[in-house]
N, C-alpha and C. Protein backbone atom coordinates (compact mmCIF):
# COMPACT_ATOMS: atom_id res chain seq x y z
N MET A 1 -50.20 -43.81 29.88
CA MET A 1 -49.46 -42.53 30.17
C MET A 1 -50.33 -41.35 29.65
N SER A 2 -50.49 -40.36 30.46
CA SER A 2 -51.30 -39.22 30.12
C SER A 2 -50.57 -38.22 29.17
N ASP A 3 -51.30 -37.35 28.49
CA ASP A 3 -50.66 -36.38 27.66
C ASP A 3 -49.71 -35.51 28.39
N LEU A 4 -50.05 -35.18 29.67
CA LEU A 4 -49.18 -34.33 30.48
C LEU A 4 -47.82 -34.99 30.74
N ASP A 5 -47.93 -36.37 31.02
CA ASP A 5 -46.66 -37.08 31.26
C ASP A 5 -45.83 -37.16 30.01
N GLN A 6 -46.42 -37.23 28.86
CA GLN A 6 -45.65 -37.31 27.64
C GLN A 6 -44.92 -35.97 27.33
N ALA A 7 -45.61 -34.91 27.73
CA ALA A 7 -45.07 -33.55 27.40
C ALA A 7 -43.90 -33.16 28.32
N LEU A 8 -43.83 -33.72 29.51
CA LEU A 8 -42.78 -33.26 30.47
C LEU A 8 -41.33 -33.44 30.00
N PRO A 9 -40.97 -34.64 29.46
CA PRO A 9 -39.63 -34.79 29.03
C PRO A 9 -39.14 -33.71 28.01
N GLY A 10 -40.01 -33.37 27.00
CA GLY A 10 -39.62 -32.35 26.02
C GLY A 10 -39.54 -31.01 26.67
N GLN A 11 -40.44 -30.69 27.59
CA GLN A 11 -40.36 -29.44 28.22
C GLN A 11 -39.10 -29.27 29.08
N GLN A 12 -38.73 -30.36 29.75
CA GLN A 12 -37.54 -30.35 30.62
C GLN A 12 -36.28 -30.14 29.72
N THR A 13 -36.25 -30.70 28.51
CA THR A 13 -35.07 -30.55 27.62
C THR A 13 -35.03 -29.11 27.12
N ASP A 14 -36.21 -28.48 26.83
CA ASP A 14 -36.23 -27.10 26.40
C ASP A 14 -35.69 -26.20 27.51
N ASP A 15 -36.14 -26.47 28.76
CA ASP A 15 -35.67 -25.62 29.84
C ASP A 15 -34.14 -25.76 30.05
N GLU A 16 -33.64 -26.95 29.87
CA GLU A 16 -32.20 -27.13 30.10
C GLU A 16 -31.41 -26.45 28.95
N ASP A 17 -31.95 -26.43 27.71
CA ASP A 17 -31.27 -25.78 26.65
C ASP A 17 -31.28 -24.27 26.89
N ALA A 18 -32.36 -23.74 27.39
CA ALA A 18 -32.42 -22.30 27.68
C ALA A 18 -31.45 -21.89 28.70
N GLN A 19 -31.33 -22.77 29.75
CA GLN A 19 -30.37 -22.50 30.81
C GLN A 19 -28.96 -22.55 30.31
N LEU A 20 -28.64 -23.50 29.42
CA LEU A 20 -27.29 -23.64 28.89
C LEU A 20 -26.95 -22.42 27.98
N ASP A 21 -27.93 -22.02 27.24
CA ASP A 21 -27.75 -20.75 26.39
C ASP A 21 -27.47 -19.55 27.26
N ALA A 22 -28.21 -19.46 28.34
CA ALA A 22 -27.99 -18.30 29.22
C ALA A 22 -26.62 -18.34 29.84
N LEU A 23 -26.17 -19.53 30.28
CA LEU A 23 -24.86 -19.70 30.90
C LEU A 23 -23.76 -19.31 29.91
N LEU A 24 -23.93 -19.78 28.62
CA LEU A 24 -22.92 -19.47 27.59
C LEU A 24 -22.84 -17.97 27.33
N ALA A 25 -24.02 -17.33 27.24
CA ALA A 25 -24.07 -15.96 26.96
C ALA A 25 -23.33 -15.13 28.05
N ALA A 26 -23.66 -15.57 29.29
CA ALA A 26 -23.02 -14.90 30.50
C ALA A 26 -21.50 -15.07 30.47
N ALA A 27 -21.11 -16.30 30.10
CA ALA A 27 -19.60 -16.53 30.02
C ALA A 27 -18.97 -15.69 28.91
N ASP A 28 -19.60 -15.59 27.72
CA ASP A 28 -19.11 -14.73 26.67
C ASP A 28 -18.98 -13.32 27.13
N ALA A 29 -20.00 -12.80 27.76
CA ALA A 29 -20.02 -11.42 28.18
C ALA A 29 -18.83 -11.19 29.23
N ALA A 30 -18.60 -12.11 30.08
CA ALA A 30 -17.53 -12.00 31.05
C ALA A 30 -16.20 -11.96 30.37
N VAL A 31 -15.96 -12.88 29.45
CA VAL A 31 -14.76 -12.88 28.71
C VAL A 31 -14.50 -11.57 27.94
N LEU A 32 -15.52 -11.13 27.25
CA LEU A 32 -15.36 -9.88 26.53
C LEU A 32 -15.05 -8.73 27.50
N GLY A 33 -15.71 -8.76 28.66
CA GLY A 33 -15.47 -7.64 29.61
C GLY A 33 -14.03 -7.69 30.13
N ARG A 34 -13.48 -8.90 30.34
CA ARG A 34 -12.13 -8.97 30.82
C ARG A 34 -11.14 -8.49 29.76
N LEU A 35 -11.42 -8.84 28.49
CA LEU A 35 -10.60 -8.44 27.32
C LEU A 35 -10.60 -6.95 27.26
N ALA A 36 -11.78 -6.34 27.35
CA ALA A 36 -11.85 -4.87 27.23
C ALA A 36 -11.07 -4.14 28.27
N GLU A 37 -11.04 -4.77 29.52
CA GLU A 37 -10.33 -4.10 30.58
C GLU A 37 -8.77 -4.31 30.38
N ALA A 38 -8.39 -5.39 29.68
CA ALA A 38 -7.00 -5.64 29.56
C ALA A 38 -6.37 -5.04 28.33
N VAL A 39 -7.18 -4.50 27.40
CA VAL A 39 -6.64 -3.91 26.20
C VAL A 39 -5.84 -2.66 26.49
N ASP A 40 -4.71 -2.56 26.00
CA ASP A 40 -3.84 -1.28 26.15
C ASP A 40 -3.32 -1.00 24.78
N ILE A 41 -3.85 0.02 24.12
CA ILE A 41 -3.43 0.24 22.68
C ILE A 41 -1.93 0.68 22.64
N ASP A 42 -1.52 1.54 23.58
CA ASP A 42 -0.12 1.99 23.56
C ASP A 42 0.85 0.79 23.83
N ALA A 43 0.44 -0.07 24.75
CA ALA A 43 1.28 -1.26 25.05
C ALA A 43 1.33 -2.18 23.75
N GLY A 44 0.22 -2.24 23.02
CA GLY A 44 0.20 -3.05 21.85
C GLY A 44 1.13 -2.46 20.77
N ARG A 45 1.11 -1.13 20.64
CA ARG A 45 2.06 -0.54 19.73
C ARG A 45 3.50 -0.80 20.11
N ALA A 46 3.71 -0.68 21.37
CA ALA A 46 5.10 -0.94 21.84
C ALA A 46 5.54 -2.30 21.52
N ALA A 47 4.63 -3.27 21.70
CA ALA A 47 5.02 -4.63 21.48
C ALA A 47 5.29 -4.87 19.94
N VAL A 48 4.65 -4.20 19.13
CA VAL A 48 4.89 -4.31 17.70
C VAL A 48 6.25 -3.64 17.30
N PHE A 49 6.47 -2.48 17.78
CA PHE A 49 7.65 -1.70 17.29
C PHE A 49 8.91 -1.85 18.11
N ALA A 50 8.84 -2.22 19.40
CA ALA A 50 9.92 -2.24 20.21
C ALA A 50 11.03 -3.19 19.72
N PRO A 51 10.71 -4.41 19.22
CA PRO A 51 11.77 -5.33 18.71
C PRO A 51 12.62 -4.71 17.62
N SER A 52 12.08 -3.75 16.93
CA SER A 52 12.91 -3.13 15.80
C SER A 52 13.95 -2.16 16.30
N VAL A 53 13.90 -1.75 17.55
CA VAL A 53 14.87 -0.79 18.05
C VAL A 53 15.98 -1.52 18.65
N THR A 54 17.01 -1.70 17.82
CA THR A 54 18.20 -2.42 18.27
C THR A 54 19.40 -1.61 17.93
N ALA A 55 20.58 -1.97 18.45
CA ALA A 55 21.77 -1.20 18.18
C ALA A 55 22.16 -1.24 16.69
N GLU A 56 21.71 -2.25 15.95
CA GLU A 56 22.01 -2.40 14.55
C GLU A 56 20.94 -1.81 13.71
N GLU A 57 20.09 -0.98 14.32
CA GLU A 57 18.94 -0.53 13.64
C GLU A 57 19.20 0.35 12.30
N VAL A 58 20.23 1.15 12.33
CA VAL A 58 20.57 1.93 11.14
C VAL A 58 21.98 1.49 10.70
N PRO A 59 22.01 0.67 9.65
CA PRO A 59 23.38 0.25 9.14
C PRO A 59 24.20 1.47 8.68
N SER A 60 25.40 1.54 9.09
CA SER A 60 26.26 2.67 8.85
C SER A 60 26.53 2.81 7.31
N SER A 61 26.47 1.70 6.66
CA SER A 61 26.76 1.71 5.16
C SER A 61 25.49 2.04 4.35
N GLY A 62 24.35 2.00 5.04
CA GLY A 62 23.12 2.25 4.34
C GLY A 62 22.65 0.99 3.59
N GLU A 63 23.35 -0.07 3.84
CA GLU A 63 22.95 -1.39 3.17
C GLU A 63 22.23 -2.26 4.15
N GLY A 64 21.58 -3.37 3.64
CA GLY A 64 20.89 -4.26 4.51
C GLY A 64 19.42 -3.93 4.58
N ASP A 65 18.67 -4.77 5.18
CA ASP A 65 17.19 -4.57 5.33
C ASP A 65 16.92 -3.49 6.37
N ALA A 66 16.01 -2.61 6.03
CA ALA A 66 15.65 -1.53 7.02
C ALA A 66 14.84 -2.19 8.12
N SER A 67 15.02 -1.76 9.35
CA SER A 67 14.28 -2.22 10.46
C SER A 67 12.92 -1.66 10.45
N GLY A 68 12.06 -2.08 11.36
CA GLY A 68 10.70 -1.56 11.45
C GLY A 68 10.67 -0.07 11.75
N LEU A 69 11.60 0.31 12.68
CA LEU A 69 11.58 1.76 13.04
C LEU A 69 12.13 2.61 11.92
N GLU A 70 13.15 2.10 11.15
CA GLU A 70 13.68 2.80 10.03
C GLU A 70 12.59 3.04 9.00
N TRP A 71 11.72 2.03 8.83
CA TRP A 71 10.59 2.25 7.89
C TRP A 71 9.55 3.20 8.38
N MET A 72 9.33 3.14 9.73
CA MET A 72 8.33 4.03 10.31
C MET A 72 8.84 5.48 10.28
N LEU A 73 10.10 5.67 10.47
CA LEU A 73 10.65 7.10 10.48
C LEU A 73 11.58 7.16 9.29
N PRO A 74 11.08 7.48 8.14
CA PRO A 74 12.00 7.46 6.95
C PRO A 74 13.00 8.54 6.97
N PHE A 75 14.28 8.14 6.93
CA PHE A 75 15.37 9.06 6.84
C PHE A 75 16.58 8.43 6.15
N GLY A 76 16.42 7.21 5.56
CA GLY A 76 17.50 6.50 4.92
C GLY A 76 17.77 7.12 3.57
N LYS A 77 18.80 6.60 2.87
CA LYS A 77 19.25 7.09 1.66
C LYS A 77 18.15 7.15 0.58
N ASP A 78 17.42 6.08 0.52
CA ASP A 78 16.29 5.96 -0.48
C ASP A 78 15.15 6.95 -0.18
N SER A 79 14.84 7.09 1.15
CA SER A 79 13.83 8.02 1.49
C SER A 79 14.25 9.49 1.21
N LEU A 80 15.50 9.77 1.44
CA LEU A 80 15.96 11.14 1.23
C LEU A 80 15.93 11.49 -0.29
N LEU A 81 16.17 10.55 -1.17
CA LEU A 81 16.08 10.76 -2.60
C LEU A 81 14.60 10.93 -3.00
N GLN A 82 13.64 10.25 -2.34
CA GLN A 82 12.25 10.48 -2.61
C GLN A 82 11.79 11.84 -2.20
N TRP A 83 12.25 12.29 -1.07
CA TRP A 83 11.94 13.61 -0.63
C TRP A 83 12.49 14.68 -1.49
N LEU A 84 13.71 14.49 -1.99
CA LEU A 84 14.37 15.43 -2.90
C LEU A 84 13.57 15.61 -4.20
N ALA A 85 12.88 14.46 -4.59
CA ALA A 85 12.09 14.55 -5.82
C ALA A 85 10.92 15.47 -5.73
N ILE A 86 10.47 15.88 -4.52
CA ILE A 86 9.36 16.86 -4.38
C ILE A 86 9.85 18.14 -3.83
N SER A 87 11.16 18.51 -4.05
CA SER A 87 11.65 19.70 -3.40
C SER A 87 11.31 21.00 -4.19
N GLY A 88 10.93 20.83 -5.43
CA GLY A 88 10.65 22.00 -6.31
C GLY A 88 9.37 22.72 -5.89
N PRO A 89 9.25 23.92 -6.34
CA PRO A 89 8.04 24.74 -6.02
C PRO A 89 6.75 24.27 -6.59
N GLY A 90 6.81 23.34 -7.59
CA GLY A 90 5.54 22.82 -8.15
C GLY A 90 5.02 21.66 -7.42
N TYR A 91 5.52 21.36 -6.27
CA TYR A 91 5.08 20.14 -5.58
C TYR A 91 4.49 20.44 -4.15
N LEU A 92 3.86 21.61 -4.06
CA LEU A 92 3.31 22.08 -2.77
C LEU A 92 2.32 21.06 -2.18
N PRO A 93 1.32 20.59 -2.93
CA PRO A 93 0.38 19.61 -2.30
C PRO A 93 1.19 18.35 -1.74
N ARG A 94 2.07 17.79 -2.49
CA ARG A 94 2.81 16.63 -1.99
C ARG A 94 3.74 16.97 -0.87
N GLN A 95 4.29 18.14 -0.83
CA GLN A 95 5.10 18.54 0.33
C GLN A 95 4.30 18.63 1.60
N LEU A 96 3.09 19.17 1.47
CA LEU A 96 2.26 19.28 2.65
C LEU A 96 1.74 17.92 3.08
N ASP A 97 1.42 17.06 2.10
CA ASP A 97 0.94 15.76 2.46
C ASP A 97 2.08 14.97 3.18
N LYS A 98 3.27 15.03 2.63
CA LYS A 98 4.37 14.22 3.21
C LYS A 98 4.66 14.81 4.63
N SER A 99 4.58 16.11 4.76
CA SER A 99 4.82 16.68 6.13
C SER A 99 3.82 16.23 7.17
N THR A 100 2.63 16.20 6.82
CA THR A 100 1.53 15.78 7.81
C THR A 100 1.64 14.32 8.07
N SER A 101 1.84 13.56 7.02
CA SER A 101 1.87 12.05 7.25
C SER A 101 3.04 11.65 8.07
N THR A 102 4.13 12.32 7.86
CA THR A 102 5.43 12.05 8.66
C THR A 102 5.23 12.50 10.13
N ILE A 103 4.59 13.63 10.29
CA ILE A 103 4.33 14.12 11.69
C ILE A 103 3.44 13.12 12.37
N ARG A 104 2.37 12.62 11.72
CA ARG A 104 1.55 11.62 12.38
C ARG A 104 2.29 10.33 12.75
N THR A 105 3.19 9.89 11.84
CA THR A 105 3.99 8.75 12.09
C THR A 105 4.88 8.96 13.32
N MET A 106 5.47 10.13 13.37
CA MET A 106 6.43 10.42 14.50
C MET A 106 5.53 10.39 15.87
N THR A 107 4.34 10.83 15.72
CA THR A 107 3.51 10.82 16.94
C THR A 107 3.20 9.33 17.48
N VAL A 108 2.90 8.50 16.48
CA VAL A 108 2.64 7.13 16.82
C VAL A 108 3.90 6.46 17.38
N VAL A 109 4.99 6.60 16.70
CA VAL A 109 6.20 5.94 17.16
C VAL A 109 6.70 6.49 18.47
N GLY A 110 6.62 7.75 18.76
CA GLY A 110 7.11 8.26 20.02
C GLY A 110 6.15 7.75 21.15
N ARG A 111 4.87 7.72 20.94
CA ARG A 111 3.95 7.28 21.92
C ARG A 111 4.15 5.74 22.25
N ALA A 112 4.55 4.97 21.19
CA ALA A 112 4.68 3.59 21.33
C ALA A 112 5.97 3.16 21.95
N LEU A 113 7.08 3.95 21.70
CA LEU A 113 8.41 3.39 22.00
C LEU A 113 9.01 4.16 23.21
N LEU A 114 8.68 5.44 23.41
CA LEU A 114 9.24 6.13 24.52
C LEU A 114 8.72 5.65 25.94
N PRO A 115 9.55 5.35 26.89
CA PRO A 115 9.12 4.80 28.12
C PRO A 115 8.35 5.74 29.01
N HIS A 116 7.81 5.22 30.11
CA HIS A 116 7.04 6.14 30.99
C HIS A 116 7.87 7.22 31.60
N SER A 117 9.18 6.97 31.77
CA SER A 117 10.01 8.01 32.33
C SER A 117 10.15 9.22 31.41
N MET A 118 9.78 9.09 30.14
CA MET A 118 9.82 10.21 29.25
C MET A 118 8.45 10.82 29.09
N ARG A 119 7.52 10.47 29.91
CA ARG A 119 6.12 10.96 29.60
C ARG A 119 6.02 12.48 29.74
N ALA A 120 6.73 13.06 30.68
CA ALA A 120 6.67 14.52 30.78
C ALA A 120 7.15 15.26 29.56
N TYR A 121 8.34 14.74 29.09
CA TYR A 121 8.93 15.35 27.85
C TYR A 121 8.04 15.09 26.70
N TRP A 122 7.62 13.80 26.54
CA TRP A 122 6.93 13.43 25.34
C TRP A 122 5.47 14.13 25.35
N GLY A 123 4.87 14.32 26.51
CA GLY A 123 3.58 14.96 26.59
C GLY A 123 3.69 16.38 25.93
N LEU A 124 4.72 17.15 26.31
CA LEU A 124 4.91 18.42 25.79
C LEU A 124 5.29 18.40 24.32
N ALA A 125 6.18 17.46 23.97
CA ALA A 125 6.66 17.37 22.58
C ALA A 125 5.49 17.02 21.60
N SER A 126 4.69 16.02 22.06
CA SER A 126 3.54 15.58 21.20
C SER A 126 2.57 16.72 21.09
N ASP A 127 2.36 17.62 22.07
CA ASP A 127 1.46 18.76 21.95
C ASP A 127 1.96 19.68 20.83
N PHE A 128 3.24 19.91 20.75
CA PHE A 128 3.86 20.73 19.63
C PHE A 128 3.60 20.05 18.32
N LEU A 129 3.78 18.75 18.28
CA LEU A 129 3.57 18.00 16.99
C LEU A 129 2.08 18.21 16.53
N THR A 130 1.21 18.02 17.52
CA THR A 130 -0.21 18.14 17.18
C THR A 130 -0.59 19.48 16.64
N ALA A 131 0.01 20.48 17.29
CA ALA A 131 -0.29 21.85 16.86
C ALA A 131 0.29 22.18 15.54
N SER A 132 1.43 21.64 15.26
CA SER A 132 2.11 21.83 13.94
C SER A 132 1.29 21.14 12.89
N ASN A 133 0.74 19.90 13.14
CA ASN A 133 -0.04 19.16 12.16
C ASN A 133 -1.34 19.90 11.89
N ASP A 134 -1.90 20.52 12.96
CA ASP A 134 -3.19 21.14 12.81
C ASP A 134 -3.03 22.36 11.85
N HIS A 135 -1.90 23.16 12.05
CA HIS A 135 -1.68 24.35 11.21
C HIS A 135 -1.49 23.88 9.76
N LEU A 136 -0.72 22.84 9.56
CA LEU A 136 -0.58 22.30 8.15
C LEU A 136 -1.93 21.84 7.54
N MET A 137 -2.73 21.25 8.34
CA MET A 137 -4.04 20.78 7.83
C MET A 137 -4.85 21.98 7.40
N ARG A 138 -4.85 23.01 8.21
CA ARG A 138 -5.60 24.23 7.89
C ARG A 138 -5.05 24.86 6.66
N LEU A 139 -3.74 24.88 6.53
CA LEU A 139 -3.06 25.49 5.38
C LEU A 139 -3.47 24.70 4.09
N LYS A 140 -3.40 23.38 4.12
CA LYS A 140 -3.83 22.61 3.03
C LYS A 140 -5.27 22.86 2.57
N ALA A 141 -6.17 22.89 3.62
CA ALA A 141 -7.58 23.07 3.25
C ALA A 141 -7.81 24.47 2.73
N GLY A 142 -7.18 25.47 3.35
CA GLY A 142 -7.34 26.88 2.88
C GLY A 142 -6.82 27.11 1.49
N LEU A 143 -5.67 26.51 1.07
CA LEU A 143 -5.16 26.53 -0.25
C LEU A 143 -6.07 25.83 -1.29
N ALA A 144 -6.55 24.66 -0.89
CA ALA A 144 -7.38 23.83 -1.72
C ALA A 144 -8.70 24.53 -2.05
N HIS A 145 -9.22 25.27 -1.12
CA HIS A 145 -10.52 26.00 -1.27
C HIS A 145 -10.28 27.48 -1.73
N ARG A 146 -9.05 27.81 -1.91
CA ARG A 146 -8.77 29.23 -2.39
C ARG A 146 -9.31 30.26 -1.35
N GLU A 147 -9.08 29.97 -0.11
CA GLU A 147 -9.55 30.81 0.96
C GLU A 147 -8.49 31.63 1.69
N LEU A 148 -7.26 31.47 1.28
CA LEU A 148 -6.13 32.12 1.98
C LEU A 148 -5.50 33.23 1.23
N THR A 149 -5.17 34.31 1.82
CA THR A 149 -4.26 35.24 1.24
C THR A 149 -2.88 34.77 1.34
N ARG A 150 -1.96 35.45 0.70
CA ARG A 150 -0.56 35.13 0.85
C ARG A 150 -0.12 35.22 2.31
N GLU A 151 -0.46 36.31 2.95
CA GLU A 151 -0.09 36.45 4.33
C GLU A 151 -0.65 35.44 5.28
N ALA A 152 -1.86 35.06 5.04
CA ALA A 152 -2.54 33.98 5.85
C ALA A 152 -1.82 32.63 5.63
N ALA A 153 -1.47 32.35 4.42
CA ALA A 153 -0.84 31.10 4.04
C ALA A 153 0.52 31.04 4.77
N LEU A 154 1.28 32.13 4.65
CA LEU A 154 2.64 32.15 5.24
C LEU A 154 2.50 32.11 6.76
N ALA A 155 1.47 32.69 7.31
CA ALA A 155 1.37 32.73 8.76
C ALA A 155 1.10 31.24 9.29
N ALA A 156 0.23 30.61 8.54
CA ALA A 156 -0.07 29.20 8.95
C ALA A 156 1.20 28.34 8.83
N HIS A 157 1.99 28.58 7.79
CA HIS A 157 3.21 27.84 7.54
C HIS A 157 4.22 28.19 8.70
N HIS A 158 4.31 29.40 9.05
CA HIS A 158 5.20 29.80 10.11
C HIS A 158 4.84 29.11 11.41
N ALA A 159 3.55 29.16 11.69
CA ALA A 159 3.08 28.53 12.96
C ALA A 159 3.47 27.01 13.00
N ALA A 160 3.26 26.30 11.87
CA ALA A 160 3.62 24.91 11.80
C ALA A 160 5.10 24.72 11.97
N HIS A 161 5.91 25.53 11.22
CA HIS A 161 7.38 25.46 11.38
C HIS A 161 7.80 25.68 12.79
N THR A 162 7.22 26.70 13.47
CA THR A 162 7.57 27.00 14.88
C THR A 162 7.27 25.86 15.74
N GLY A 163 6.09 25.24 15.59
CA GLY A 163 5.70 24.11 16.41
C GLY A 163 6.61 22.95 16.34
N LEU A 164 7.09 22.68 15.13
CA LEU A 164 8.06 21.61 14.90
C LEU A 164 9.41 21.90 15.53
N GLY A 165 9.79 23.18 15.45
CA GLY A 165 11.07 23.60 16.08
C GLY A 165 10.98 23.47 17.60
N GLN A 166 9.81 23.80 18.25
CA GLN A 166 9.55 23.60 19.63
C GLN A 166 9.58 22.10 19.99
N PHE A 167 9.02 21.25 19.13
CA PHE A 167 9.12 19.81 19.30
C PHE A 167 10.57 19.37 19.41
N LEU A 168 11.43 19.83 18.44
CA LEU A 168 12.75 19.36 18.44
C LEU A 168 13.53 19.95 19.66
N GLY A 169 13.18 21.14 20.08
CA GLY A 169 13.81 21.71 21.30
C GLY A 169 13.48 20.78 22.54
N THR A 170 12.29 20.36 22.64
CA THR A 170 11.81 19.49 23.78
C THR A 170 12.64 18.20 23.73
N LEU A 171 12.76 17.64 22.54
CA LEU A 171 13.50 16.39 22.38
C LEU A 171 15.03 16.56 22.75
N ARG A 172 15.55 17.77 22.44
CA ARG A 172 16.96 17.96 22.88
C ARG A 172 17.08 17.98 24.39
N GLN A 173 16.07 18.56 25.08
CA GLN A 173 16.06 18.47 26.56
C GLN A 173 15.98 17.02 27.00
N ALA A 174 15.04 16.21 26.38
CA ALA A 174 14.88 14.82 26.74
C ALA A 174 16.20 14.07 26.54
N ALA A 175 16.88 14.37 25.51
CA ALA A 175 18.13 13.64 25.23
C ALA A 175 19.21 13.90 26.30
N GLN A 176 19.11 14.99 27.01
CA GLN A 176 20.10 15.31 28.03
C GLN A 176 19.72 14.63 29.40
N ALA A 177 18.57 14.09 29.49
CA ALA A 177 18.12 13.45 30.72
C ALA A 177 18.74 11.98 30.71
N PRO A 178 18.92 11.36 31.87
CA PRO A 178 19.44 9.96 31.90
C PRO A 178 18.45 9.07 31.15
N ASN A 179 19.06 8.36 30.16
CA ASN A 179 18.22 7.47 29.30
C ASN A 179 18.99 6.18 29.10
N ASP A 180 18.23 5.09 28.88
CA ASP A 180 18.85 3.81 28.46
C ASP A 180 19.14 4.00 26.97
N PRO A 181 20.03 3.10 26.51
CA PRO A 181 20.42 3.15 24.99
C PRO A 181 19.23 3.14 24.03
N GLN A 182 18.29 2.25 24.33
CA GLN A 182 17.10 2.12 23.43
C GLN A 182 16.37 3.45 23.37
N THR A 183 16.09 4.11 24.51
CA THR A 183 15.38 5.36 24.52
C THR A 183 16.13 6.42 23.78
N GLY A 184 17.52 6.44 23.95
CA GLY A 184 18.34 7.43 23.25
C GLY A 184 18.25 7.22 21.74
N ARG A 185 18.20 5.97 21.25
CA ARG A 185 18.04 5.77 19.85
C ARG A 185 16.70 6.23 19.31
N VAL A 186 15.74 6.03 20.03
CA VAL A 186 14.37 6.56 19.61
C VAL A 186 14.33 8.02 19.48
N ILE A 187 14.91 8.70 20.52
CA ILE A 187 14.90 10.17 20.51
C ILE A 187 15.76 10.67 19.36
N GLU A 188 16.84 10.01 19.02
CA GLU A 188 17.75 10.35 17.92
C GLU A 188 17.03 10.22 16.63
N ARG A 189 16.21 9.09 16.44
CA ARG A 189 15.52 8.96 15.20
C ARG A 189 14.39 9.93 15.03
N LEU A 190 13.65 10.23 16.14
CA LEU A 190 12.59 11.20 16.08
C LEU A 190 13.21 12.59 15.70
N SER A 191 14.33 12.91 16.24
CA SER A 191 14.95 14.22 16.05
C SER A 191 15.42 14.42 14.52
N SER A 192 16.06 13.25 14.05
CA SER A 192 16.56 13.38 12.69
C SER A 192 15.43 13.47 11.71
N THR A 193 14.34 12.76 11.99
CA THR A 193 13.18 12.85 11.08
C THR A 193 12.52 14.21 11.19
N GLY A 194 12.46 14.81 12.44
CA GLY A 194 11.92 16.15 12.58
C GLY A 194 12.74 17.12 11.83
N GLU A 195 14.07 17.00 11.86
CA GLU A 195 14.92 17.93 11.06
C GLU A 195 14.64 17.87 9.54
N MET A 196 14.35 16.63 9.11
CA MET A 196 13.96 16.47 7.64
C MET A 196 12.67 17.11 7.35
N VAL A 197 11.70 17.04 8.28
CA VAL A 197 10.41 17.72 8.03
C VAL A 197 10.61 19.18 7.98
N LEU A 198 11.47 19.71 8.81
CA LEU A 198 11.78 21.16 8.76
C LEU A 198 12.28 21.53 7.39
N THR A 199 13.17 20.69 6.77
CA THR A 199 13.66 20.97 5.46
C THR A 199 12.53 20.89 4.48
N LEU A 200 11.64 19.90 4.61
CA LEU A 200 10.46 19.81 3.77
C LEU A 200 9.56 21.07 3.86
N LEU A 201 9.46 21.66 5.09
CA LEU A 201 8.65 22.88 5.22
C LEU A 201 9.31 24.08 4.63
N GLU A 202 10.61 24.09 4.63
CA GLU A 202 11.36 25.15 3.89
C GLU A 202 11.00 25.14 2.45
N TRP A 203 11.04 23.94 1.83
CA TRP A 203 10.62 23.75 0.46
C TRP A 203 9.21 24.27 0.25
N ALA A 204 8.31 23.95 1.23
CA ALA A 204 6.91 24.32 1.13
C ALA A 204 6.73 25.82 1.09
N ARG A 205 7.57 26.46 1.95
CA ARG A 205 7.46 27.96 1.96
C ARG A 205 7.85 28.51 0.64
N GLN A 206 8.89 27.96 -0.03
CA GLN A 206 9.28 28.53 -1.33
C GLN A 206 8.14 28.20 -2.36
N SER A 207 7.50 27.09 -2.19
CA SER A 207 6.35 26.82 -3.04
C SER A 207 5.16 27.74 -2.89
N ILE A 208 4.99 28.11 -1.55
CA ILE A 208 3.86 29.13 -1.33
C ILE A 208 4.23 30.46 -1.90
N GLU A 209 5.42 30.84 -1.83
CA GLU A 209 5.95 32.12 -2.36
C GLU A 209 5.72 32.04 -3.88
N GLN A 210 6.11 30.99 -4.53
CA GLN A 210 5.92 30.86 -5.94
C GLN A 210 4.46 30.82 -6.35
N LEU A 211 3.65 30.19 -5.56
CA LEU A 211 2.20 30.15 -5.87
C LEU A 211 1.56 31.53 -5.96
N PHE A 212 2.01 32.45 -5.06
CA PHE A 212 1.43 33.80 -5.07
C PHE A 212 2.25 34.78 -5.84
N SER A 213 3.35 34.31 -6.47
CA SER A 213 4.31 35.28 -7.06
C SER A 213 3.66 36.14 -8.19
N ASP A 214 2.76 35.62 -8.92
CA ASP A 214 2.14 36.30 -9.99
C ASP A 214 0.84 37.10 -9.68
N THR A 215 0.59 37.16 -8.37
CA THR A 215 -0.56 37.88 -7.92
C THR A 215 -0.26 38.97 -6.98
N ASP A 216 -1.21 39.82 -6.72
CA ASP A 216 -1.08 40.88 -5.71
C ASP A 216 -1.01 40.20 -4.29
N ARG A 217 -0.29 40.73 -3.40
CA ARG A 217 -0.11 40.20 -2.08
C ARG A 217 -1.44 40.00 -1.27
N SER A 218 -2.44 40.82 -1.64
CA SER A 218 -3.71 40.77 -0.93
C SER A 218 -4.67 39.72 -1.62
N LEU A 219 -4.35 39.27 -2.84
CA LEU A 219 -5.27 38.36 -3.52
C LEU A 219 -5.24 36.97 -2.86
N ARG A 220 -6.32 36.23 -3.03
CA ARG A 220 -6.40 34.84 -2.54
C ARG A 220 -5.67 33.90 -3.46
N CYS A 221 -5.44 32.65 -2.88
CA CYS A 221 -4.66 31.62 -3.61
C CYS A 221 -5.19 31.43 -5.01
N PRO A 222 -4.36 31.59 -6.05
CA PRO A 222 -4.85 31.60 -7.38
C PRO A 222 -5.09 30.22 -7.99
N THR A 223 -4.61 29.15 -7.41
CA THR A 223 -4.72 27.84 -8.04
C THR A 223 -5.46 26.83 -7.26
N GLY A 224 -5.54 26.96 -5.89
CA GLY A 224 -6.28 25.96 -5.11
C GLY A 224 -5.52 24.73 -4.81
């Protein structure tokens, strides 16, 4: 047998391996492509949170395990006590942090749980939420870097407060539209949480006033 004849079987095996590798790579790419087309982030959120929206979601006595939505939108007895703990004028950073984090949570929950029929209402409402959050983030950054006058700080706060009020007004309109019971409960939870954030922002305004109380109105934030 010649050297060429001895080399052919090994060469054939190498070619077959290469072809198999190519086929596997093509199959992997096809699977990944199909998965990418099928992924729907909002639908995934809905699948996670929707089971928690039940008629027994908020126990009237305040007892029992909190449901997923109750945890996502804190407004229970324990959460209220935690929020009251930061109601004083010395807690401005925590008041702003709690406001922005709760607004972000409301955005996620509304996007995940409100049905397509509410898209027009939710699109407008979420725009108001986003604007409110943006004003609060600028307020936090400006105070932290001592870049805001009293008037500028209060103006940013007022804009955030106004945006949240517009969000609640849009939800009230949505609540008047024909809704199934589950959608009604989601709107109610979003509204009650939004009202609590408004209270939190009222505390924050008092904290801003206190922050500048010992300075001239035109001076910049004294503490950062």
